[in-house]
Amino acid sequence: MLSYSSLQLGIATYPEDAEDYTSVTWSGSNSYMSVNSSGLVSMGRASVGTSTYTLNVTCTVTLSNGDTITKTIPVTFSR
């Protein structure tokens, strides 16, 4: 088994006067990768014969007016 590292995801608003958001939720997991509530994507233990792993991370932003925006971000770890 091989061990990999991690990647921190985040959001940025542009322009600066863009609508305020009240929360950001990150989700996604598979057998080899996961993302925590702060957007930290971690690679766990991997199979020796596989060189690339991809996780589709879902980011949901809740705006101050209650509307939500959801986007999926593919994250790939390769060795």
PDB file of N, CA and C in Angstrom:
ATOM      1  N   MET A   1       0.829  -1.188   0.000  1.00  0.00           N
ATOM      2  CA  MET A   1       0.000   0.000   0.000  1.00  0.00           C
ATOM      3  C   MET A   1       0.876   1.256   0.000  1.00  0.00           C
ATOM      4  N   LEU A   2       0.359   2.296  -0.643  1.00  0.00           N
ATOM      5  CA  LEU A   2       1.062   3.571  -0.716  1.00  0.00           C
ATOM      6  C   LEU A   2       0.284   4.618   0.063  1.00  0.00           C
ATOM      7  N   SER A   3       0.970   5.615   0.592  1.00  0.00           N
ATOM      8  CA  SER A   3       0.310   6.687   1.323  1.00  0.00           C
ATOM      9  C   SER A   3       0.547   8.011   0.594  1.00  0.00           C
ATOM     10  N   TYR A   4      -0.498   8.810   0.415  1.00  0.00           N
ATOM     11  CA  TYR A   4      -0.410  10.090  -0.272  1.00  0.00           C
ATOM     12  C   TYR A   4      -0.647  11.223   0.717  1.00  0.00           C
ATOM     13  N   SER A   5      -0.739  12.430   0.227  1.00  0.00           N
ATOM     14  CA  SER A   5      -0.916  13.580   1.111  1.00  0.00           C
ATOM     15  C   SER A   5      -2.292  14.202   0.942  1.00  0.00           C
ATOM     16  N   SER A   6      -2.380  15.515   1.125  1.00  0.00           N
ATOM     17  CA  SER A   6      -3.678  16.185   1.132  1.00  0.00           C
ATOM     18  C   SER A   6      -3.623  17.506   0.374  1.00  0.00           C
ATOM     19  N   LEU A   7      -4.820  18.093   0.178  1.00  0.00           N
ATOM     20  CA  LEU A   7      -4.973  19.341  -0.551  1.00  0.00           C
ATOM     21  C   LEU A   7      -6.080  20.142   0.114  1.00  0.00           C
ATOM     22  N   GLN A   8      -5.836  21.419   0.396  1.00  0.00           N
ATOM     23  CA  GLN A   8      -6.837  22.284   1.028  1.00  0.00           C
ATOM     24  C   GLN A   8      -7.593  23.074  -0.030  1.00  0.00           C
ATOM     25  N   LEU A   9      -8.920  22.904  -0.107  1.00  0.00           N
ATOM     26  CA  LEU A   9      -9.762  23.679  -1.001  1.00  0.00           C
ATOM     27  C   LEU A   9     -10.370  24.846  -0.243  1.00  0.00           C
ATOM     28  N   GLY A  10     -10.732  25.893  -0.953  1.00  0.00           N
ATOM     29  CA  GLY A  10     -11.375  27.051  -0.335  1.00  0.00           C
ATOM     30  C   GLY A  10     -12.152  27.807  -1.391  1.00  0.00           C
ATOM     31  N   ILE A  11     -12.821  28.867  -0.982  1.00  0.00           N
ATOM     32  CA  ILE A  11     -13.549  29.695  -1.938  1.00  0.00           C
ATOM     33  C   ILE A  11     -13.076  31.136  -1.827  1.00  0.00           C
ATOM     34  N   ALA A  12     -13.220  31.857  -2.923  1.00  0.00           N
ATOM     35  CA  ALA A  12     -12.911  33.282  -2.957  1.00  0.00           C
ATOM     36  C   ALA A  12     -14.044  33.971  -3.707  1.00  0.00           C
ATOM     37  N   THR A  13     -14.472  35.122  -3.225  1.00  0.00           N
ATOM     38  CA  THR A  13     -15.539  35.855  -3.913  1.00  0.00           C
ATOM     39  C   THR A  13     -14.936  36.985  -4.728  1.00  0.00           C
ATOM     40  N   TYR A  14     -15.510  37.185  -5.893  1.00  0.00           N
ATOM     41  CA  TYR A  14     -15.075  38.270  -6.763  1.00  0.00           C
ATOM     42  C   TYR A  14     -16.296  38.781  -7.492  1.00  0.00           C
ATOM     43  N   PRO A  15     -16.520  40.043  -7.574  1.00  0.00           N
ATOM     44  CA  PRO A  15     -15.722  41.130  -6.988  1.00  0.00           C
ATOM     45  C   PRO A  15     -15.909  41.171  -5.471  1.00  0.00           C
ATOM     46  N   GLU A  16     -15.175  42.058  -4.828  1.00  0.00           N
ATOM     47  CA  GLU A  16     -15.216  42.125  -3.368  1.00  0.00           C
ATOM     48  C   GLU A  16     -16.601  42.421  -2.836  1.00  0.00           C
ATOM     49  N   ASP A  17     -17.442  43.105  -3.612  1.00  0.00           N
ATOM     50  CA  ASP A  17     -18.791  43.422  -3.141  1.00  0.00           C
ATOM     51  C   ASP A  17     -19.807  42.362  -3.561  1.00  0.00           C
ATOM     52  N   ALA A  18     -19.328  41.167  -3.932  1.00  0.00           N
ATOM     53  CA  ALA A  18     -20.232  40.070  -4.269  1.00  0.00           C
ATOM     54  C   ALA A  18     -21.088  39.734  -3.052  1.00  0.00           C
ATOM     55  N   GLU A  19     -22.219  39.095  -3.315  1.00  0.00           N
ATOM     56  CA  GLU A  19     -23.141  38.784  -2.223  1.00  0.00           C
ATOM     57  C   GLU A  19     -22.448  37.964  -1.138  1.00  0.00           C
ATOM     58  N   ASP A  20     -22.737  38.306   0.109  1.00  0.00           N
ATOM     59  CA  ASP A  20     -22.166  37.598   1.244  1.00  0.00           C
ATOM     60  C   ASP A  20     -22.708  36.175   1.321  1.00  0.00           C
ATOM     61  N   TYR A  21     -21.870  35.278   1.801  1.00  0.00           N
ATOM     62  CA  TYR A  21     -22.329  33.920   2.052  1.00  0.00           C
ATOM     63  C   TYR A  21     -22.288  33.653   3.549  1.00  0.00           C
ATOM     64  N   THR A  22     -23.149  32.745   3.989  1.00  0.00           N
ATOM     65  CA  THR A  22     -23.223  32.445   5.418  1.00  0.00           C
ATOM     66  C   THR A  22     -22.553  31.124   5.774  1.00  0.00           C
ATOM     67  N   SER A  23     -22.456  30.208   4.792  1.00  0.00           N
ATOM     68  CA  SER A  23     -21.783  28.942   5.085  1.00  0.00           C
ATOM     69  C   SER A  23     -21.286  28.284   3.807  1.00  0.00           C
ATOM     70  N   VAL A  24     -20.302  27.409   3.984  1.00  0.00           N
ATOM     71  CA  VAL A  24     -19.757  26.601   2.901  1.00  0.00           C
ATOM     72  C   VAL A  24     -19.695  25.169   3.410  1.00  0.00           C
ATOM     73  N   THR A  25     -20.237  24.232   2.622  1.00  0.00           N
ATOM     74  CA  THR A  25     -20.232  22.822   2.993  1.00  0.00           C
ATOM     75  C   THR A  25     -19.489  22.036   1.924  1.00  0.00           C
ATOM     76  N   TRP A  26     -18.571  21.191   2.351  1.00  0.00           N
ATOM     77  CA  TRP A  26     -17.805  20.336   1.447  1.00  0.00           C
ATOM     78  C   TRP A  26     -18.218  18.891   1.689  1.00  0.00           C
ATOM     79  N   SER A  27     -18.339  18.107   0.613  1.00  0.00           N
ATOM     80  CA  SER A  27     -18.670  16.693   0.787  1.00  0.00           C
ATOM     81  C   SER A  27     -18.064  15.873  -0.340  1.00  0.00           C
ATOM     82  N   GLY A  28     -17.917  14.596  -0.083  1.00  0.00           N
ATOM     83  CA  GLY A  28     -17.393  13.656  -1.066  1.00  0.00           C
ATOM     84  C   GLY A  28     -16.489  12.642  -0.410  1.00  0.00           C
ATOM     85  N   SER A  29     -16.603  11.404  -0.851  1.00  0.00           N
ATOM     86  CA  SER A  29     -15.695  10.368  -0.374  1.00  0.00           C
ATOM     87  C   SER A  29     -15.802   9.163  -1.287  1.00  0.00           C
ATOM     88  N   ASN A  30     -14.757   8.408  -1.319  1.00  0.00           N
ATOM     89  CA  ASN A  30     -14.754   7.118  -1.989  1.00  0.00           C
ATOM     90  C   ASN A  30     -13.844   6.205  -1.176  1.00  0.00           C
ATOM     91  N   SER A  31     -13.475   5.087  -1.714  1.00  0.00           N
ATOM     92  CA  SER A  31     -12.672   4.117  -0.961  1.00  0.00           C
ATOM     93  C   SER A  31     -11.277   4.618  -0.600  1.00  0.00           C
ATOM     94  N   TYR A  32     -10.761   5.592  -1.352  1.00  0.00           N
ATOM     95  CA  TYR A  32      -9.379   6.011  -1.171  1.00  0.00           C
ATOM     96  C   TYR A  32      -9.205   7.472  -0.765  1.00  0.00           C
ATOM     97  N   MET A  33     -10.238   8.303  -0.984  1.00  0.00           N
ATOM     98  CA  MET A  33     -10.109   9.733  -0.729  1.00  0.00           C
ATOM     99  C   MET A  33     -11.329  10.249   0.023  1.00  0.00           C
ATOM    100  N   SER A  34     -11.140  11.350   0.760  1.00  0.00           N
ATOM    101  CA  SER A  34     -12.266  11.967   1.460  1.00  0.00           C
ATOM    102  C   SER A  34     -12.006  13.468   1.606  1.00  0.00           C
ATOM    103  N   VAL A  35     -13.078  14.223   1.893  1.00  0.00           N
ATOM    104  CA  VAL A  35     -12.963  15.653   2.149  1.00  0.00           C
ATOM    105  C   VAL A  35     -13.666  15.933   3.471  1.00  0.00           C
ATOM    106  N   ASN A  36     -13.063  16.782   4.316  1.00  0.00           N
ATOM    107  CA  ASN A  36     -13.699  17.092   5.593  1.00  0.00           C
ATOM    108  C   ASN A  36     -14.493  18.391   5.489  1.00  0.00           C
ATOM    109  N   SER A  37     -15.085  18.817   6.580  1.00  0.00           N
ATOM    110  CA  SER A  37     -15.975  19.977   6.585  1.00  0.00           C
ATOM    111  C   SER A  37     -15.271  21.288   6.276  1.00  0.00           C
ATOM    112  N   SER A  38     -13.945  21.338   6.390  1.00  0.00           N
ATOM    113  CA  SER A  38     -13.218  22.569   6.084  1.00  0.00           C
ATOM    114  C   SER A  38     -12.630  22.575   4.667  1.00  0.00           C
ATOM    115  N   GLY A  39     -12.895  21.524   3.863  1.00  0.00           N
ATOM    116  CA  GLY A  39     -12.400  21.479   2.497  1.00  0.00           C
ATOM    117  C   GLY A  39     -11.050  20.807   2.330  1.00  0.00           C
ATOM    118  N   LEU A  40     -10.591  20.085   3.348  1.00  0.00           N
ATOM    119  CA  LEU A  40      -9.315  19.374   3.264  1.00  0.00           C
ATOM    120  C   LEU A  40      -9.551  18.018   2.599  1.00  0.00           C
ATOM    121  N   VAL A  41      -8.983  17.832   1.399  1.00  0.00           N
ATOM    122  CA  VAL A  41      -9.095  16.568   0.675  1.00  0.00           C
ATOM    123  C   VAL A  41      -7.887  15.722   1.041  1.00  0.00           C
ATOM    124  N   SER A  42      -8.144  14.495   1.497  1.00  0.00           N
ATOM    125  CA  SER A  42      -7.059  13.614   1.935  1.00  0.00           C
ATOM    126  C   SER A  42      -7.076  12.315   1.157  1.00  0.00           C
ATOM    127  N   MET A  43      -5.891  11.875   0.824  1.00  0.00           N
ATOM    128  CA  MET A  43      -5.707  10.584   0.173  1.00  0.00           C
ATOM    129  C   MET A  43      -5.329   9.599   1.243  1.00  0.00           C
ATOM    130  N   GLY A  44      -6.049   8.503   1.315  1.00  0.00           N
ATOM    131  CA  GLY A  44      -5.742   7.464   2.291  1.00  0.00           C
ATOM    132  C   GLY A  44      -4.743   6.475   1.727  1.00  0.00           C
ATOM    133  N   ARG A  45      -4.930   5.236   2.072  1.00  0.00           N
ATOM    134  CA  ARG A  45      -4.061   4.178   1.581  1.00  0.00           C
ATOM    135  C   ARG A  45      -4.526   3.755   0.200  1.00  0.00           C
ATOM    136  N   ALA A  46      -3.594   3.556  -0.706  1.00  0.00           N
ATOM    137  CA  ALA A  46      -3.925   3.244  -2.095  1.00  0.00           C
ATOM    138  C   ALA A  46      -3.331   1.901  -2.504  1.00  0.00           C
ATOM    139  N   SER A  47      -3.878   1.337  -3.538  1.00  0.00           N
ATOM    140  CA  SER A  47      -3.365   0.083  -4.081  1.00  0.00           C
ATOM    141  C   SER A  47      -2.033   0.323  -4.788  1.00  0.00           C
ATOM    142  N   VAL A  48      -1.153  -0.628  -4.719  1.00  0.00           N
ATOM    143  CA  VAL A  48       0.172  -0.495  -5.328  1.00  0.00           C
ATOM    144  C   VAL A  48       0.070  -0.385  -6.841  1.00  0.00           C
ATOM    145  N   GLY A  49      -0.835  -1.074  -7.504  1.00  0.00           N
ATOM    146  CA  GLY A  49      -0.913  -1.089  -8.949  1.00  0.00           C
ATOM    147  C   GLY A  49      -1.624   0.103  -9.580  1.00  0.00           C
ATOM    148  N   THR A  50      -2.225   0.960  -8.783  1.00  0.00           N
ATOM    149  CA  THR A  50      -2.989   2.085  -9.322  1.00  0.00           C
ATOM    150  C   THR A  50      -2.202   3.375  -9.127  1.00  0.00           C
ATOM    151  N   SER A  51      -2.175   4.223 -10.170  1.00  0.00           N
ATOM    152  CA  SER A  51      -1.376   5.436 -10.074  1.00  0.00           C
ATOM    153  C   SER A  51      -2.203   6.720  -9.997  1.00  0.00           C
ATOM    154  N   THR A  52      -3.516   6.669 -10.284  1.00  0.00           N
ATOM    155  CA  THR A  52      -4.345   7.863 -10.287  1.00  0.00           C
ATOM    156  C   THR A  52      -5.674   7.593  -9.581  1.00  0.00           C
ATOM    157  N   TYR A  53      -6.055   8.523  -8.706  1.00  0.00           N
ATOM    158  CA  TYR A  53      -7.329   8.436  -7.992  1.00  0.00           C
ATOM    159  C   TYR A  53      -8.032   9.779  -8.114  1.00  0.00           C
ATOM    160  N   THR A  54      -9.336   9.754  -8.377  1.00  0.00           N
ATOM    161  CA  THR A  54     -10.107  10.984  -8.522  1.00  0.00           C
ATOM    162  C   THR A  54     -11.295  10.963  -7.571  1.00  0.00           C
ATOM    163  N   LEU A  55     -11.566  12.118  -6.966  1.00  0.00           N
ATOM    164  CA  LEU A  55     -12.719  12.308  -6.094  1.00  0.00           C
ATOM    165  C   LEU A  55     -13.484  13.522  -6.590  1.00  0.00           C
ATOM    166  N   ASN A  56     -14.786  13.386  -6.759  1.00  0.00           N
ATOM    167  CA  ASN A  56     -15.634  14.523  -7.088  1.00  0.00           C
ATOM    168  C   ASN A  56     -16.101  15.158  -5.784  1.00  0.00           C
ATOM    169  N   VAL A  57     -15.563  16.334  -5.491  1.00  0.00           N
ATOM    170  CA  VAL A  57     -15.889  17.064  -4.263  1.00  0.00           C
ATOM    171  C   VAL A  57     -17.039  18.019  -4.570  1.00  0.00           C
ATOM    172  N   THR A  58     -18.063  18.004  -3.728  1.00  0.00           N
ATOM    173  CA  THR A  58     -19.193  18.904  -3.891  1.00  0.00           C
ATOM    174  C   THR A  58     -19.069  20.039  -2.895  1.00  0.00           C
ATOM    175  N   CYS A  59     -19.139  21.270  -3.399  1.00  0.00           N
ATOM    176  CA  CYS A  59     -19.087  22.473  -2.570  1.00  0.00           C
ATOM    177  C   CYS A  59     -20.455  23.145  -2.645  1.00  0.00           C
ATOM    178  N   THR A  60     -21.086  23.359  -1.498  1.00  0.00           N
ATOM    179  CA  THR A  60     -22.370  24.040  -1.436  1.00  0.00           C
ATOM    180  C   THR A  60     -22.198  25.316  -0.628  1.00  0.00           C
ATOM    181  N   VAL A  61     -22.488  26.454  -1.256  1.00  0.00           N
ATOM    182  CA  VAL A  61     -22.378  27.763  -0.612  1.00  0.00           C
ATOM    183  C   VAL A  61     -23.785  28.266  -0.350  1.00  0.00           C
ATOM    184  N   THR A  62     -24.056  28.637   0.898  1.00  0.00           N
ATOM    185  CA  THR A  62     -25.344  29.227   1.253  1.00  0.00           C
ATOM    186  C   THR A  62     -25.166  30.734   1.351  1.00  0.00           C
ATOM    187  N   LEU A  63     -25.948  31.463   0.541  1.00  0.00           N
ATOM    188  CA  LEU A  63     -25.875  32.923   0.512  1.00  0.00           C
ATOM    189  C   LEU A  63     -26.683  33.526   1.651  1.00  0.00           C
ATOM    190  N   SER A  64     -26.441  34.796   1.935  1.00  0.00           N
ATOM    191  CA  SER A  64     -27.119  35.465   3.049  1.00  0.00           C
ATOM    192  C   SER A  64     -28.635  35.540   2.846  1.00  0.00           C
ATOM    193  N   ASN A  65     -29.109  35.447   1.588  1.00  0.00           N
ATOM    194  CA  ASN A  65     -30.559  35.482   1.345  1.00  0.00           C
ATOM    195  C   ASN A  65     -31.192  34.091   1.407  1.00  0.00           C
ATOM    196  N   GLY A  66     -30.391  33.055   1.704  1.00  0.00           N
ATOM    197  CA  GLY A  66     -30.895  31.691   1.828  1.00  0.00           C
ATOM    198  C   GLY A  66     -30.724  30.844   0.585  1.00  0.00           C
ATOM    199  N   ASP A  67     -30.416  31.457  -0.557  1.00  0.00           N
ATOM    200  CA  ASP A  67     -30.173  30.690  -1.778  1.00  0.00           C
ATOM    201  C   ASP A  67     -28.888  29.872  -1.634  1.00  0.00           C
ATOM    202  N   THR A  68     -28.795  28.777  -2.394  1.00  0.00           N
ATOM    203  CA  THR A  68     -27.580  27.967  -2.374  1.00  0.00           C
ATOM    204  C   THR A  68     -27.017  27.822  -3.780  1.00  0.00           C
ATOM    205  N   ILE A  69     -25.708  27.685  -3.841  1.00  0.00           N
ATOM    206  CA  ILE A  69     -24.988  27.418  -5.081  1.00  0.00           C
ATOM    207  C   ILE A  69     -24.182  26.148  -4.836  1.00  0.00           C
ATOM    208  N   THR A  70     -24.335  25.167  -5.730  1.00  0.00           N
ATOM    209  CA  THR A  70     -23.624  23.902  -5.584  1.00  0.00           C
ATOM    210  C   THR A  70     -22.794  23.641  -6.831  1.00  0.00           C
ATOM    211  N   LYS A  71     -21.535  23.313  -6.627  1.00  0.00           N
ATOM    212  CA  LYS A  71     -20.625  22.992  -7.724  1.00  0.00           C
ATOM    213  C   LYS A  71     -19.849  21.729  -7.368  1.00  0.00           C
ATOM    214  N   THR A  72     -19.495  20.958  -8.384  1.00  0.00           N
ATOM    215  CA  THR A  72     -18.682  19.764  -8.203  1.00  0.00           C
ATOM    216  C   THR A  72     -17.292  20.022  -8.768  1.00  0.00           C
ATOM    217  N   ILE A  73     -16.275  19.669  -7.975  1.00  0.00           N
ATOM    218  CA  ILE A  73     -14.887  19.914  -8.334  1.00  0.00           C
ATOM    219  C   ILE A  73     -14.157  18.570  -8.360  1.00  0.00           C
ATOM    220  N   PRO A  74     -13.658  18.125  -9.518  1.00  0.00           N
ATOM    221  CA  PRO A  74     -12.889  16.883  -9.539  1.00  0.00           C
ATOM    222  C   PRO A  74     -11.482  17.124  -8.996  1.00  0.00           C
ATOM    223  N   VAL A  75     -11.053  16.277  -8.067  1.00  0.00           N
ATOM    224  CA  VAL A  75      -9.706  16.355  -7.499  1.00  0.00           C
ATOM    225  C   VAL A  75      -9.016  15.047  -7.798  1.00  0.00           C
ATOM    226  N   THR A  76      -7.816  15.115  -8.401  1.00  0.00           N
ATOM    227  CA  THR A  76      -7.089  13.904  -8.774  1.00  0.00           C
ATOM    228  C   THR A  76      -5.713  13.903  -8.118  1.00  0.00           C
ATOM    229  N   PHE A  77      -5.377  12.785  -7.502  1.00  0.00           N
ATOM    230  CA  PHE A  77      -4.032  12.556  -6.982  1.00  0.00           C
ATOM    231  C   PHE A  77      -3.369  11.541  -7.895  1.00  0.00           C
ATOM    232  N   SER A  78      -2.149  11.849  -8.331  1.00  0.00           N
ATOM    233  CA  SER A  78      -1.366  10.940  -9.163  1.00  0.00           C
ATOM    234  C   SER A  78       0.006  10.755  -8.554  1.00  0.00           C
ATOM    235  N   ARG A  79       0.580   9.615  -8.787  1.00  0.00           N
ATOM    236  CA  ARG A  79       1.945   9.399  -8.308  1.00  0.00           C
ATOM    237  C   ARG A  79       2.890   9.276  -9.453  1.00  0.00           C
TER     238      ARG A  79
END
